[in-house]
Amino acid sequence: PWNTILARRNRIGFLRWRSSSMKCLELFAGIGGFAAAFPHLQIVNAVDIDVHAASVYRSNFAHPFHIAEITSLSSDWFARQGADCWWMSPPC
């Protein structure tokens, strides 16, 4: 059953969506759909290439926003974010 699978995942620490201490990196952030849907999570950084979306995002959320092409970011940059979860909402 689905609830048993989720319970096992939570015991070993994969997805604890209710944890306010979970640090998330929001990739393809757009105007912040993920941040709006999960306000109890800590967004360590948001990334998108759209400057207009970044403006809207920054007017609604206080956490950092990085305007960049995701493929231009180094593995060291990702490691420095200290995120427990990388959330991607790529465009259609």
N, C-alpha and C. Protein backbone atom coordinates (compact mmCIF):
# COMPACT_ATOMS: atom_id res chain seq x y z
N PRO A 1 0.83 -1.21 0.00
CA PRO A 1 0.00 0.00 0.00
C PRO A 1 0.86 1.27 0.00
N TRP A 2 0.31 2.30 -0.58
CA TRP A 2 1.01 3.58 -0.73
C TRP A 2 1.46 4.15 0.60
N ASN A 3 0.62 4.13 1.63
CA ASN A 3 1.00 4.71 2.91
C ASN A 3 2.16 3.96 3.56
N THR A 4 2.29 2.67 3.31
CA THR A 4 3.42 1.91 3.83
C THR A 4 4.71 2.33 3.14
N ILE A 5 4.65 2.55 1.83
CA ILE A 5 5.82 3.01 1.09
C ILE A 5 6.27 4.37 1.61
N LEU A 6 5.32 5.28 1.80
CA LEU A 6 5.67 6.60 2.32
C LEU A 6 6.26 6.51 3.72
N ALA A 7 5.72 5.67 4.56
CA ALA A 7 6.24 5.51 5.91
C ALA A 7 7.68 5.02 5.86
N ARG A 8 7.97 4.07 4.99
CA ARG A 8 9.35 3.58 4.85
C ARG A 8 10.28 4.68 4.37
N ARG A 9 9.84 5.44 3.40
CA ARG A 9 10.67 6.55 2.90
C ARG A 9 10.97 7.54 4.02
N ASN A 10 9.97 7.88 4.81
CA ASN A 10 10.18 8.84 5.89
C ASN A 10 11.13 8.31 6.95
N ARG A 11 11.08 7.02 7.22
CA ARG A 11 11.99 6.45 8.21
C ARG A 11 13.44 6.57 7.77
N ILE A 12 13.69 6.42 6.47
CA ILE A 12 15.08 6.49 6.03
C ILE A 12 15.45 7.88 5.50
N GLY A 13 14.54 8.82 5.58
CA GLY A 13 14.85 10.22 5.35
C GLY A 13 14.77 10.75 3.94
N PHE A 14 14.05 10.09 3.03
CA PHE A 14 13.99 10.61 1.67
C PHE A 14 13.13 11.87 1.56
N LEU A 15 11.84 11.76 1.82
CA LEU A 15 10.95 12.90 1.63
C LEU A 15 10.21 13.23 2.91
N ARG A 16 10.61 14.30 3.51
CA ARG A 16 9.92 14.77 4.72
C ARG A 16 9.34 16.14 4.42
N TRP A 17 8.30 16.15 3.62
CA TRP A 17 7.72 17.39 3.13
C TRP A 17 7.16 18.28 4.22
N ARG A 18 6.87 17.73 5.36
CA ARG A 18 6.31 18.54 6.42
C ARG A 18 7.38 19.18 7.31
N SER A 19 8.62 18.85 7.07
CA SER A 19 9.70 19.37 7.89
C SER A 19 10.04 20.80 7.51
N SER A 20 9.98 21.71 8.47
CA SER A 20 10.30 23.10 8.19
C SER A 20 11.80 23.31 8.07
N SER A 21 12.59 22.32 8.46
CA SER A 21 14.04 22.47 8.36
C SER A 21 14.58 21.93 7.03
N MET A 22 13.71 21.41 6.17
CA MET A 22 14.17 20.90 4.89
C MET A 22 14.57 22.05 3.98
N LYS A 23 15.79 21.98 3.44
CA LYS A 23 16.32 23.03 2.58
C LYS A 23 16.17 22.62 1.12
N CYS A 24 15.52 23.48 0.33
CA CYS A 24 15.24 23.15 -1.07
C CYS A 24 15.85 24.17 -2.01
N LEU A 25 16.34 23.68 -3.13
CA LEU A 25 16.84 24.50 -4.22
C LEU A 25 15.77 24.45 -5.31
N GLU A 26 15.26 25.60 -5.69
CA GLU A 26 14.17 25.67 -6.67
C GLU A 26 14.74 26.02 -8.05
N LEU A 27 14.78 25.03 -8.94
CA LEU A 27 15.32 25.22 -10.29
C LEU A 27 14.17 25.44 -11.28
N PHE A 28 14.43 26.24 -12.32
CA PHE A 28 13.37 26.67 -13.24
C PHE A 28 12.26 27.31 -12.41
N ALA A 29 12.64 28.23 -11.55
CA ALA A 29 11.75 28.77 -10.53
C ALA A 29 10.58 29.59 -11.07
N GLY A 30 10.75 30.23 -12.21
CA GLY A 30 9.66 31.05 -12.74
C GLY A 30 9.24 32.12 -11.73
N ILE A 31 7.95 32.21 -11.48
CA ILE A 31 7.45 33.23 -10.55
C ILE A 31 7.26 32.67 -9.14
N GLY A 32 7.65 31.40 -8.91
CA GLY A 32 7.65 30.87 -7.55
C GLY A 32 6.53 29.94 -7.19
N GLY A 33 6.08 29.14 -8.11
CA GLY A 33 5.00 28.19 -7.81
C GLY A 33 5.34 27.22 -6.70
N PHE A 34 6.56 26.71 -6.70
CA PHE A 34 6.98 25.77 -5.66
C PHE A 34 7.05 26.46 -4.30
N ALA A 35 7.65 27.64 -4.26
CA ALA A 35 7.76 28.39 -3.00
C ALA A 35 6.38 28.72 -2.44
N ALA A 36 5.44 29.04 -3.32
CA ALA A 36 4.09 29.35 -2.87
C ALA A 36 3.36 28.11 -2.36
N ALA A 37 3.61 26.97 -3.01
CA ALA A 37 2.92 25.74 -2.64
C ALA A 37 3.45 25.13 -1.35
N PHE A 38 4.73 25.38 -1.05
CA PHE A 38 5.35 24.78 0.13
C PHE A 38 6.01 25.87 1.00
N PRO A 39 5.22 26.76 1.58
CA PRO A 39 5.80 27.87 2.34
C PRO A 39 6.53 27.44 3.61
N HIS A 40 6.28 26.22 4.07
CA HIS A 40 6.93 25.75 5.29
C HIS A 40 8.35 25.23 5.04
N LEU A 41 8.77 25.12 3.78
CA LEU A 41 10.13 24.68 3.47
C LEU A 41 11.06 25.88 3.35
N GLN A 42 12.33 25.65 3.58
CA GLN A 42 13.32 26.71 3.45
C GLN A 42 13.92 26.66 2.05
N ILE A 43 13.67 27.69 1.24
CA ILE A 43 14.24 27.76 -0.10
C ILE A 43 15.61 28.41 0.05
N VAL A 44 16.67 27.66 -0.27
CA VAL A 44 18.03 28.20 -0.12
C VAL A 44 18.43 29.07 -1.31
N ASN A 45 17.84 28.81 -2.47
CA ASN A 45 18.08 29.62 -3.64
C ASN A 45 17.08 29.21 -4.71
N ALA A 46 16.77 30.13 -5.58
CA ALA A 46 15.89 29.87 -6.72
C ALA A 46 16.66 30.28 -7.97
N VAL A 47 16.46 29.52 -9.06
CA VAL A 47 17.22 29.78 -10.29
C VAL A 47 16.27 29.78 -11.48
N ASP A 48 16.45 30.79 -12.34
CA ASP A 48 15.73 30.86 -13.62
C ASP A 48 16.47 31.85 -14.50
N ILE A 49 16.25 31.78 -15.81
CA ILE A 49 16.91 32.72 -16.72
C ILE A 49 16.03 33.92 -17.07
N ASP A 50 14.77 33.87 -16.72
CA ASP A 50 13.81 34.91 -17.10
C ASP A 50 13.87 36.09 -16.11
N VAL A 51 14.35 37.24 -16.57
CA VAL A 51 14.49 38.40 -15.69
C VAL A 51 13.14 38.95 -15.24
N HIS A 52 12.11 38.82 -16.09
CA HIS A 52 10.79 39.30 -15.72
C HIS A 52 10.17 38.41 -14.64
N ALA A 53 10.35 37.11 -14.77
CA ALA A 53 9.88 36.18 -13.73
C ALA A 53 10.63 36.44 -12.44
N ALA A 54 11.92 36.72 -12.54
CA ALA A 54 12.73 37.00 -11.35
C ALA A 54 12.20 38.22 -10.60
N SER A 55 11.77 39.22 -11.34
CA SER A 55 11.21 40.43 -10.72
C SER A 55 9.95 40.11 -9.92
N VAL A 56 9.07 39.32 -10.50
CA VAL A 56 7.84 38.92 -9.81
C VAL A 56 8.19 38.06 -8.59
N TYR A 57 9.09 37.11 -8.78
CA TYR A 57 9.51 36.21 -7.70
C TYR A 57 10.04 37.02 -6.52
N ARG A 58 10.95 37.94 -6.82
CA ARG A 58 11.59 38.74 -5.76
C ARG A 58 10.59 39.64 -5.04
N SER A 59 9.53 40.04 -5.71
CA SER A 59 8.53 40.88 -5.04
C SER A 59 7.65 40.07 -4.09
N ASN A 60 7.65 38.74 -4.26
CA ASN A 60 6.81 37.88 -3.42
C ASN A 60 7.58 37.07 -2.38
N PHE A 61 8.87 36.86 -2.60
CA PHE A 61 9.66 36.00 -1.71
C PHE A 61 10.99 36.67 -1.37
N ALA A 62 11.44 36.46 -0.14
CA ALA A 62 12.66 37.12 0.33
C ALA A 62 13.93 36.30 0.10
N HIS A 63 13.80 35.02 -0.19
CA HIS A 63 15.00 34.22 -0.32
C HIS A 63 15.74 34.51 -1.63
N PRO A 64 17.01 34.10 -1.73
CA PRO A 64 17.84 34.44 -2.89
C PRO A 64 17.29 33.91 -4.22
N PHE A 65 17.54 34.68 -5.27
CA PHE A 65 17.15 34.30 -6.62
C PHE A 65 18.36 34.52 -7.52
N HIS A 66 18.75 33.52 -8.26
CA HIS A 66 19.93 33.57 -9.12
C HIS A 66 19.46 33.53 -10.57
N ILE A 67 19.75 34.58 -11.33
CA ILE A 67 19.39 34.59 -12.75
C ILE A 67 20.54 33.95 -13.53
N ALA A 68 20.28 32.76 -14.04
CA ALA A 68 21.33 32.03 -14.77
C ALA A 68 20.72 30.88 -15.56
N GLU A 69 21.44 30.47 -16.58
CA GLU A 69 21.13 29.24 -17.30
C GLU A 69 21.60 28.10 -16.40
N ILE A 70 20.75 27.17 -16.12
CA ILE A 70 21.08 26.10 -15.16
C ILE A 70 22.32 25.32 -15.60
N THR A 71 22.46 25.11 -16.89
CA THR A 71 23.62 24.36 -17.38
C THR A 71 24.93 25.12 -17.18
N SER A 72 24.87 26.42 -16.89
CA SER A 72 26.09 27.20 -16.67
C SER A 72 26.58 27.13 -15.22
N LEU A 73 25.78 26.56 -14.33
CA LEU A 73 26.16 26.48 -12.92
C LEU A 73 27.05 25.26 -12.69
N SER A 74 28.09 25.46 -11.90
CA SER A 74 29.05 24.37 -11.64
C SER A 74 28.53 23.43 -10.55
N SER A 75 29.12 22.27 -10.52
CA SER A 75 28.76 21.31 -9.46
C SER A 75 29.13 21.87 -8.09
N ASP A 76 30.18 22.67 -8.03
CA ASP A 76 30.55 23.32 -6.76
C ASP A 76 29.46 24.29 -6.30
N TRP A 77 28.88 25.03 -7.25
CA TRP A 77 27.81 25.96 -6.90
C TRP A 77 26.65 25.20 -6.27
N PHE A 78 26.26 24.08 -6.90
CA PHE A 78 25.17 23.27 -6.36
C PHE A 78 25.52 22.75 -4.97
N ALA A 79 26.73 22.29 -4.78
CA ALA A 79 27.15 21.76 -3.47
C ALA A 79 27.11 22.85 -2.40
N ARG A 80 27.49 24.08 -2.75
CA ARG A 80 27.49 25.19 -1.77
C ARG A 80 26.09 25.55 -1.30
N GLN A 81 25.06 25.22 -2.05
CA GLN A 81 23.69 25.57 -1.67
C GLN A 81 23.24 24.79 -0.43
N GLY A 82 23.80 23.63 -0.19
CA GLY A 82 23.45 22.84 0.99
C GLY A 82 22.00 22.37 1.00
N ALA A 83 21.45 22.13 -0.19
CA ALA A 83 20.03 21.75 -0.29
C ALA A 83 19.83 20.26 -0.04
N ASP A 84 18.73 19.94 0.66
CA ASP A 84 18.31 18.56 0.86
C ASP A 84 17.52 18.05 -0.34
N CYS A 85 16.92 19.00 -1.07
CA CYS A 85 16.03 18.65 -2.19
C CYS A 85 16.27 19.63 -3.33
N TRP A 86 16.36 19.11 -4.54
CA TRP A 86 16.41 19.96 -5.73
C TRP A 86 15.08 19.80 -6.42
N TRP A 87 14.32 20.88 -6.53
CA TRP A 87 13.00 20.84 -7.17
C TRP A 87 13.12 21.50 -8.54
N MET A 88 12.68 20.81 -9.57
CA MET A 88 12.72 21.37 -10.92
C MET A 88 11.32 21.45 -11.50
N SER A 89 11.00 22.60 -12.05
CA SER A 89 9.74 22.80 -12.77
C SER A 89 10.07 23.32 -14.15
N PRO A 90 10.66 22.47 -15.00
CA PRO A 90 11.07 22.95 -16.32
C PRO A 90 9.89 23.37 -17.18
N PRO A 91 10.12 24.30 -18.09
CA PRO A 91 9.03 24.74 -18.97
C PRO A 91 8.57 23.60 -19.87
N CYS A 92 7.34 23.69 -20.31
CA CYS A 92 6.78 22.66 -21.19
C CYS A 92 7.41 22.66 -22.55
